[in-house]
Amino acid sequence: MVTLMSEGSIPLPDAATCNTTLGTDPDPYAVAMCNVAVAVSAAPDGLEAERLAQANADIASKNYSSTSIHWYLPTRQMKTFHPRSDGMYAFRNAVWDAVQDDG
């Protein structure tokens, strides 16, 4: 949120080229922002364009409590999941291995 506020608006990639420049293993946030850019380009008066305009207006007015901005935060693209016991053990082991490697 602070980064978007300091940038002054939500940066979007070029809608005409973003799908071809994402690469073979793109960041999910880059894909999401490309999708937004394409949607706004295709329908400048559409819902996505209205939501983006409201978010940018809220950023300009430093409205940190805006619900519009949250649509464009990188964390919005991450999904929460709850792994079962085997998954929890795998996460625990991966974290422990990383800690041991850094030590």
N, C-alpha and C. Protein backbone atom coordinates (compact mmCIF):
# COMPACT_ATOMS: atom_id res chain seq x y z
N MET A 1 0.84 -1.18 0.00
CA MET A 1 0.00 0.00 0.00
C MET A 1 0.88 1.25 0.00
N VAL A 2 1.89 1.26 0.84
CA VAL A 2 2.77 2.42 0.93
C VAL A 2 3.49 2.65 -0.40
N THR A 3 3.91 1.58 -1.04
CA THR A 3 4.60 1.71 -2.34
C THR A 3 3.68 2.30 -3.38
N LEU A 4 2.44 1.81 -3.45
CA LEU A 4 1.50 2.38 -4.41
C LEU A 4 1.23 3.84 -4.11
N MET A 5 1.10 4.18 -2.85
CA MET A 5 0.86 5.58 -2.48
C MET A 5 2.04 6.45 -2.92
N SER A 6 3.25 5.95 -2.75
CA SER A 6 4.41 6.75 -3.12
C SER A 6 4.58 6.86 -4.63
N GLU A 7 4.08 5.87 -5.37
CA GLU A 7 4.16 5.94 -6.84
C GLU A 7 3.13 6.90 -7.41
N GLY A 8 2.07 7.15 -6.68
CA GLY A 8 1.06 8.11 -7.13
C GLY A 8 -0.07 7.52 -7.93
N SER A 9 0.11 6.32 -8.43
CA SER A 9 -0.95 5.63 -9.16
C SER A 9 -0.54 4.17 -9.34
N ILE A 10 -1.47 3.39 -9.82
CA ILE A 10 -1.20 1.98 -10.05
C ILE A 10 -0.57 1.83 -11.43
N PRO A 11 0.68 1.37 -11.47
CA PRO A 11 1.35 1.23 -12.76
C PRO A 11 0.83 0.01 -13.51
N LEU A 12 0.46 0.22 -14.75
CA LEU A 12 0.00 -0.88 -15.60
C LEU A 12 0.96 -1.05 -16.77
N PRO A 13 1.15 -2.27 -17.21
CA PRO A 13 1.98 -2.49 -18.39
C PRO A 13 1.23 -2.08 -19.65
N ASP A 14 1.92 -2.08 -20.76
CA ASP A 14 1.32 -1.78 -22.05
C ASP A 14 0.39 -2.92 -22.44
N ALA A 15 -0.88 -2.63 -22.58
CA ALA A 15 -1.87 -3.66 -22.88
C ALA A 15 -1.60 -4.35 -24.22
N ALA A 16 -0.99 -3.65 -25.14
CA ALA A 16 -0.75 -4.21 -26.47
C ALA A 16 0.38 -5.24 -26.48
N THR A 17 1.29 -5.14 -25.51
CA THR A 17 2.46 -6.02 -25.55
C THR A 17 2.67 -6.87 -24.30
N CYS A 18 1.92 -6.61 -23.24
CA CYS A 18 2.25 -7.27 -21.97
C CYS A 18 2.13 -8.79 -22.03
N ASN A 19 1.19 -9.32 -22.78
CA ASN A 19 1.07 -10.78 -22.85
C ASN A 19 2.25 -11.43 -23.54
N THR A 20 2.90 -10.71 -24.43
CA THR A 20 4.04 -11.29 -25.15
C THR A 20 5.35 -11.08 -24.41
N THR A 21 5.36 -10.20 -23.42
CA THR A 21 6.60 -9.93 -22.70
C THR A 21 6.64 -10.56 -21.31
N LEU A 22 5.63 -11.32 -20.95
CA LEU A 22 5.58 -11.92 -19.62
C LEU A 22 6.60 -13.04 -19.43
N GLY A 23 6.97 -13.71 -20.49
CA GLY A 23 7.93 -14.80 -20.37
C GLY A 23 7.23 -16.13 -20.14
N THR A 24 8.02 -17.16 -19.90
CA THR A 24 7.47 -18.51 -19.78
C THR A 24 7.01 -18.86 -18.37
N ASP A 25 7.52 -18.19 -17.36
CA ASP A 25 7.13 -18.45 -15.98
C ASP A 25 6.89 -17.11 -15.28
N PRO A 26 5.83 -16.41 -15.69
CA PRO A 26 5.63 -15.04 -15.20
C PRO A 26 5.17 -14.99 -13.75
N ASP A 27 5.48 -13.88 -13.13
CA ASP A 27 5.00 -13.60 -11.79
C ASP A 27 3.48 -13.44 -11.85
N PRO A 28 2.75 -14.07 -10.93
CA PRO A 28 1.28 -13.96 -10.95
C PRO A 28 0.78 -12.51 -10.90
N TYR A 29 1.49 -11.66 -10.19
CA TYR A 29 1.08 -10.26 -10.12
C TYR A 29 1.24 -9.57 -11.47
N ALA A 30 2.31 -9.89 -12.18
CA ALA A 30 2.52 -9.31 -13.52
C ALA A 30 1.40 -9.76 -14.46
N VAL A 31 1.01 -11.01 -14.35
CA VAL A 31 -0.09 -11.52 -15.17
C VAL A 31 -1.39 -10.79 -14.82
N ALA A 32 -1.64 -10.63 -13.53
CA ALA A 32 -2.86 -9.94 -13.10
C ALA A 32 -2.90 -8.50 -13.60
N MET A 33 -1.77 -7.79 -13.49
CA MET A 33 -1.74 -6.41 -13.96
C MET A 33 -1.85 -6.33 -15.48
N CYS A 34 -1.31 -7.32 -16.18
CA CYS A 34 -1.49 -7.37 -17.63
C CYS A 34 -2.97 -7.56 -17.96
N ASN A 35 -3.62 -8.45 -17.23
CA ASN A 35 -5.06 -8.68 -17.45
C ASN A 35 -5.87 -7.41 -17.19
N VAL A 36 -5.49 -6.66 -16.17
CA VAL A 36 -6.16 -5.39 -15.89
C VAL A 36 -5.94 -4.42 -17.05
N ALA A 37 -4.70 -4.31 -17.50
CA ALA A 37 -4.38 -3.39 -18.60
C ALA A 37 -5.17 -3.75 -19.85
N VAL A 38 -5.25 -5.03 -20.15
CA VAL A 38 -5.99 -5.48 -21.33
C VAL A 38 -7.48 -5.18 -21.16
N ALA A 39 -8.02 -5.44 -19.99
CA ALA A 39 -9.44 -5.18 -19.74
C ALA A 39 -9.77 -3.69 -19.85
N VAL A 40 -8.92 -2.85 -19.29
CA VAL A 40 -9.15 -1.40 -19.34
C VAL A 40 -9.02 -0.90 -20.78
N SER A 41 -8.06 -1.46 -21.51
CA SER A 41 -7.88 -1.06 -22.90
C SER A 41 -9.08 -1.48 -23.75
N ALA A 42 -9.61 -2.65 -23.48
CA ALA A 42 -10.74 -3.16 -24.26
C ALA A 42 -12.05 -2.45 -23.91
N ALA A 43 -12.19 -2.06 -22.66
CA ALA A 43 -13.43 -1.41 -22.21
C ALA A 43 -13.09 -0.24 -21.29
N PRO A 44 -12.70 0.90 -21.88
CA PRO A 44 -12.29 2.05 -21.07
C PRO A 44 -13.38 2.59 -20.15
N ASP A 45 -14.63 2.23 -20.40
CA ASP A 45 -15.74 2.67 -19.55
C ASP A 45 -16.29 1.51 -18.73
N GLY A 46 -15.60 0.38 -18.75
CA GLY A 46 -16.08 -0.82 -18.07
C GLY A 46 -15.81 -0.82 -16.58
N LEU A 47 -16.24 -1.91 -15.94
CA LEU A 47 -16.11 -2.05 -14.50
C LEU A 47 -14.65 -2.00 -14.04
N GLU A 48 -13.77 -2.68 -14.75
CA GLU A 48 -12.36 -2.68 -14.35
C GLU A 48 -11.77 -1.28 -14.45
N ALA A 49 -12.12 -0.57 -15.51
CA ALA A 49 -11.62 0.80 -15.68
C ALA A 49 -12.15 1.71 -14.57
N GLU A 50 -13.41 1.54 -14.19
CA GLU A 50 -13.98 2.33 -13.10
C GLU A 50 -13.30 2.02 -11.78
N ARG A 51 -13.06 0.72 -11.53
CA ARG A 51 -12.40 0.32 -10.28
C ARG A 51 -10.98 0.88 -10.23
N LEU A 52 -10.27 0.81 -11.34
CA LEU A 52 -8.91 1.33 -11.41
C LEU A 52 -8.90 2.85 -11.20
N ALA A 53 -9.83 3.54 -11.84
CA ALA A 53 -9.92 5.00 -11.68
C ALA A 53 -10.18 5.38 -10.23
N GLN A 54 -11.07 4.63 -9.57
CA GLN A 54 -11.35 4.91 -8.15
C GLN A 54 -10.13 4.64 -7.30
N ALA A 55 -9.43 3.55 -7.57
CA ALA A 55 -8.22 3.23 -6.81
C ALA A 55 -7.16 4.32 -7.00
N ASN A 56 -6.99 4.77 -8.23
CA ASN A 56 -6.02 5.83 -8.49
C ASN A 56 -6.42 7.15 -7.82
N ALA A 57 -7.70 7.43 -7.79
CA ALA A 57 -8.18 8.64 -7.10
C ALA A 57 -7.93 8.53 -5.60
N ASP A 58 -8.14 7.33 -5.06
CA ASP A 58 -7.88 7.12 -3.64
C ASP A 58 -6.39 7.23 -3.32
N ILE A 59 -5.56 6.74 -4.22
CA ILE A 59 -4.11 6.88 -4.04
C ILE A 59 -3.73 8.35 -4.06
N ALA A 60 -4.28 9.08 -5.00
CA ALA A 60 -3.95 10.51 -5.12
C ALA A 60 -4.36 11.28 -3.87
N SER A 61 -5.45 10.86 -3.25
CA SER A 61 -5.91 11.56 -2.04
C SER A 61 -5.35 10.93 -0.76
N LYS A 62 -4.43 9.96 -0.93
CA LYS A 62 -3.78 9.29 0.21
C LYS A 62 -4.80 8.63 1.14
N ASN A 63 -5.82 8.03 0.55
CA ASN A 63 -6.87 7.34 1.30
C ASN A 63 -6.41 5.91 1.60
N TYR A 64 -5.72 5.75 2.71
CA TYR A 64 -5.17 4.44 3.08
C TYR A 64 -6.24 3.43 3.45
N SER A 65 -7.44 3.87 3.72
CA SER A 65 -8.51 2.94 4.08
C SER A 65 -9.36 2.54 2.88
N SER A 66 -8.94 2.92 1.70
CA SER A 66 -9.69 2.61 0.48
C SER A 66 -9.83 1.10 0.27
N THR A 67 -11.01 0.69 -0.10
CA THR A 67 -11.20 -0.72 -0.47
C THR A 67 -10.91 -0.94 -1.95
N SER A 68 -10.86 0.11 -2.72
CA SER A 68 -10.58 -0.01 -4.16
C SER A 68 -9.12 -0.39 -4.42
N ILE A 69 -8.23 0.13 -3.63
CA ILE A 69 -6.79 -0.10 -3.85
C ILE A 69 -6.44 -1.56 -3.65
N HIS A 70 -7.10 -2.21 -2.74
CA HIS A 70 -6.77 -3.60 -2.42
C HIS A 70 -6.88 -4.54 -3.61
N TRP A 71 -7.67 -4.19 -4.59
CA TRP A 71 -7.78 -5.02 -5.80
C TRP A 71 -6.45 -5.09 -6.54
N TYR A 72 -5.59 -4.13 -6.32
CA TYR A 72 -4.36 -4.01 -7.11
C TYR A 72 -3.09 -4.25 -6.29
N LEU A 73 -3.22 -4.72 -5.09
CA LEU A 73 -2.04 -5.04 -4.29
C LEU A 73 -1.50 -6.41 -4.69
N PRO A 74 -0.20 -6.57 -4.70
CA PRO A 74 0.38 -7.87 -5.05
C PRO A 74 -0.13 -9.01 -4.18
N THR A 75 -0.39 -8.73 -2.92
CA THR A 75 -0.86 -9.80 -2.03
C THR A 75 -2.27 -10.26 -2.38
N ARG A 76 -3.00 -9.47 -3.13
CA ARG A 76 -4.34 -9.87 -3.55
C ARG A 76 -4.27 -11.09 -4.46
N GLN A 77 -3.16 -11.27 -5.12
CA GLN A 77 -3.01 -12.37 -6.07
C GLN A 77 -2.62 -13.69 -5.41
N MET A 78 -2.25 -13.64 -4.15
CA MET A 78 -1.87 -14.87 -3.46
C MET A 78 -3.11 -15.47 -2.81
N LYS A 79 -3.24 -16.76 -2.94
CA LYS A 79 -4.38 -17.44 -2.35
C LYS A 79 -3.96 -18.15 -1.08
N THR A 80 -4.80 -18.08 -0.10
CA THR A 80 -4.54 -18.77 1.15
C THR A 80 -4.98 -20.22 0.99
N PHE A 81 -4.17 -21.12 1.49
CA PHE A 81 -4.57 -22.52 1.50
C PHE A 81 -4.13 -23.13 2.81
N HIS A 82 -4.74 -24.22 3.15
CA HIS A 82 -4.45 -24.88 4.41
C HIS A 82 -4.05 -26.31 4.11
N PRO A 83 -2.74 -26.57 4.06
CA PRO A 83 -2.30 -27.93 3.75
C PRO A 83 -2.64 -28.89 4.89
N ARG A 84 -2.75 -30.13 4.52
CA ARG A 84 -3.00 -31.18 5.52
C ARG A 84 -1.69 -31.49 6.25
N SER A 85 -1.73 -32.44 7.12
CA SER A 85 -0.56 -32.74 7.97
C SER A 85 0.70 -32.98 7.16
N ASP A 86 0.64 -33.78 6.10
CA ASP A 86 1.83 -34.04 5.30
C ASP A 86 2.38 -32.75 4.70
N GLY A 87 1.48 -31.88 4.27
CA GLY A 87 1.91 -30.59 3.74
C GLY A 87 2.54 -29.71 4.80
N MET A 88 1.99 -29.76 6.00
CA MET A 88 2.57 -28.97 7.10
C MET A 88 3.97 -29.46 7.44
N TYR A 89 4.15 -30.78 7.43
CA TYR A 89 5.48 -31.33 7.68
C TYR A 89 6.46 -30.89 6.60
N ALA A 90 6.01 -30.89 5.35
CA ALA A 90 6.88 -30.48 4.25
C ALA A 90 7.28 -29.02 4.41
N PHE A 91 6.33 -28.15 4.78
CA PHE A 91 6.66 -26.74 5.01
C PHE A 91 7.62 -26.59 6.18
N ARG A 92 7.35 -27.30 7.26
CA ARG A 92 8.24 -27.24 8.42
C ARG A 92 9.65 -27.64 8.02
N ASN A 93 9.77 -28.74 7.28
CA ASN A 93 11.09 -29.22 6.88
C ASN A 93 11.79 -28.23 5.95
N ALA A 94 11.05 -27.62 5.04
CA ALA A 94 11.64 -26.66 4.12
C ALA A 94 12.14 -25.42 4.87
N VAL A 95 11.35 -24.95 5.83
CA VAL A 95 11.77 -23.79 6.63
C VAL A 95 12.99 -24.16 7.46
N TRP A 96 12.96 -25.32 8.09
CA TRP A 96 14.09 -25.73 8.90
C TRP A 96 15.36 -25.87 8.07
N ASP A 97 15.23 -26.46 6.87
CA ASP A 97 16.39 -26.59 5.98
C ASP A 97 16.93 -25.22 5.60
N ALA A 98 16.05 -24.27 5.32
CA ALA A 98 16.49 -22.92 4.95
C ALA A 98 17.21 -22.26 6.12
N VAL A 99 16.70 -22.45 7.32
CA VAL A 99 17.33 -21.87 8.51
C VAL A 99 18.72 -22.49 8.70
N GLN A 100 18.82 -23.79 8.53
CA GLN A 100 20.09 -24.48 8.71
C GLN A 100 21.10 -24.04 7.65
N ASP A 101 20.63 -23.82 6.41
CA ASP A 101 21.52 -23.38 5.32
C ASP A 101 22.08 -21.99 5.58
N ASP A 102 21.25 -21.12 6.21
CA ASP A 102 21.69 -19.74 6.49
C ASP A 102 22.61 -19.66 7.70
N GLY A 103 22.60 -20.66 8.53
CA GLY A 103 23.35 -20.60 9.78
C GLY A 103 24.72 -21.07 9.64
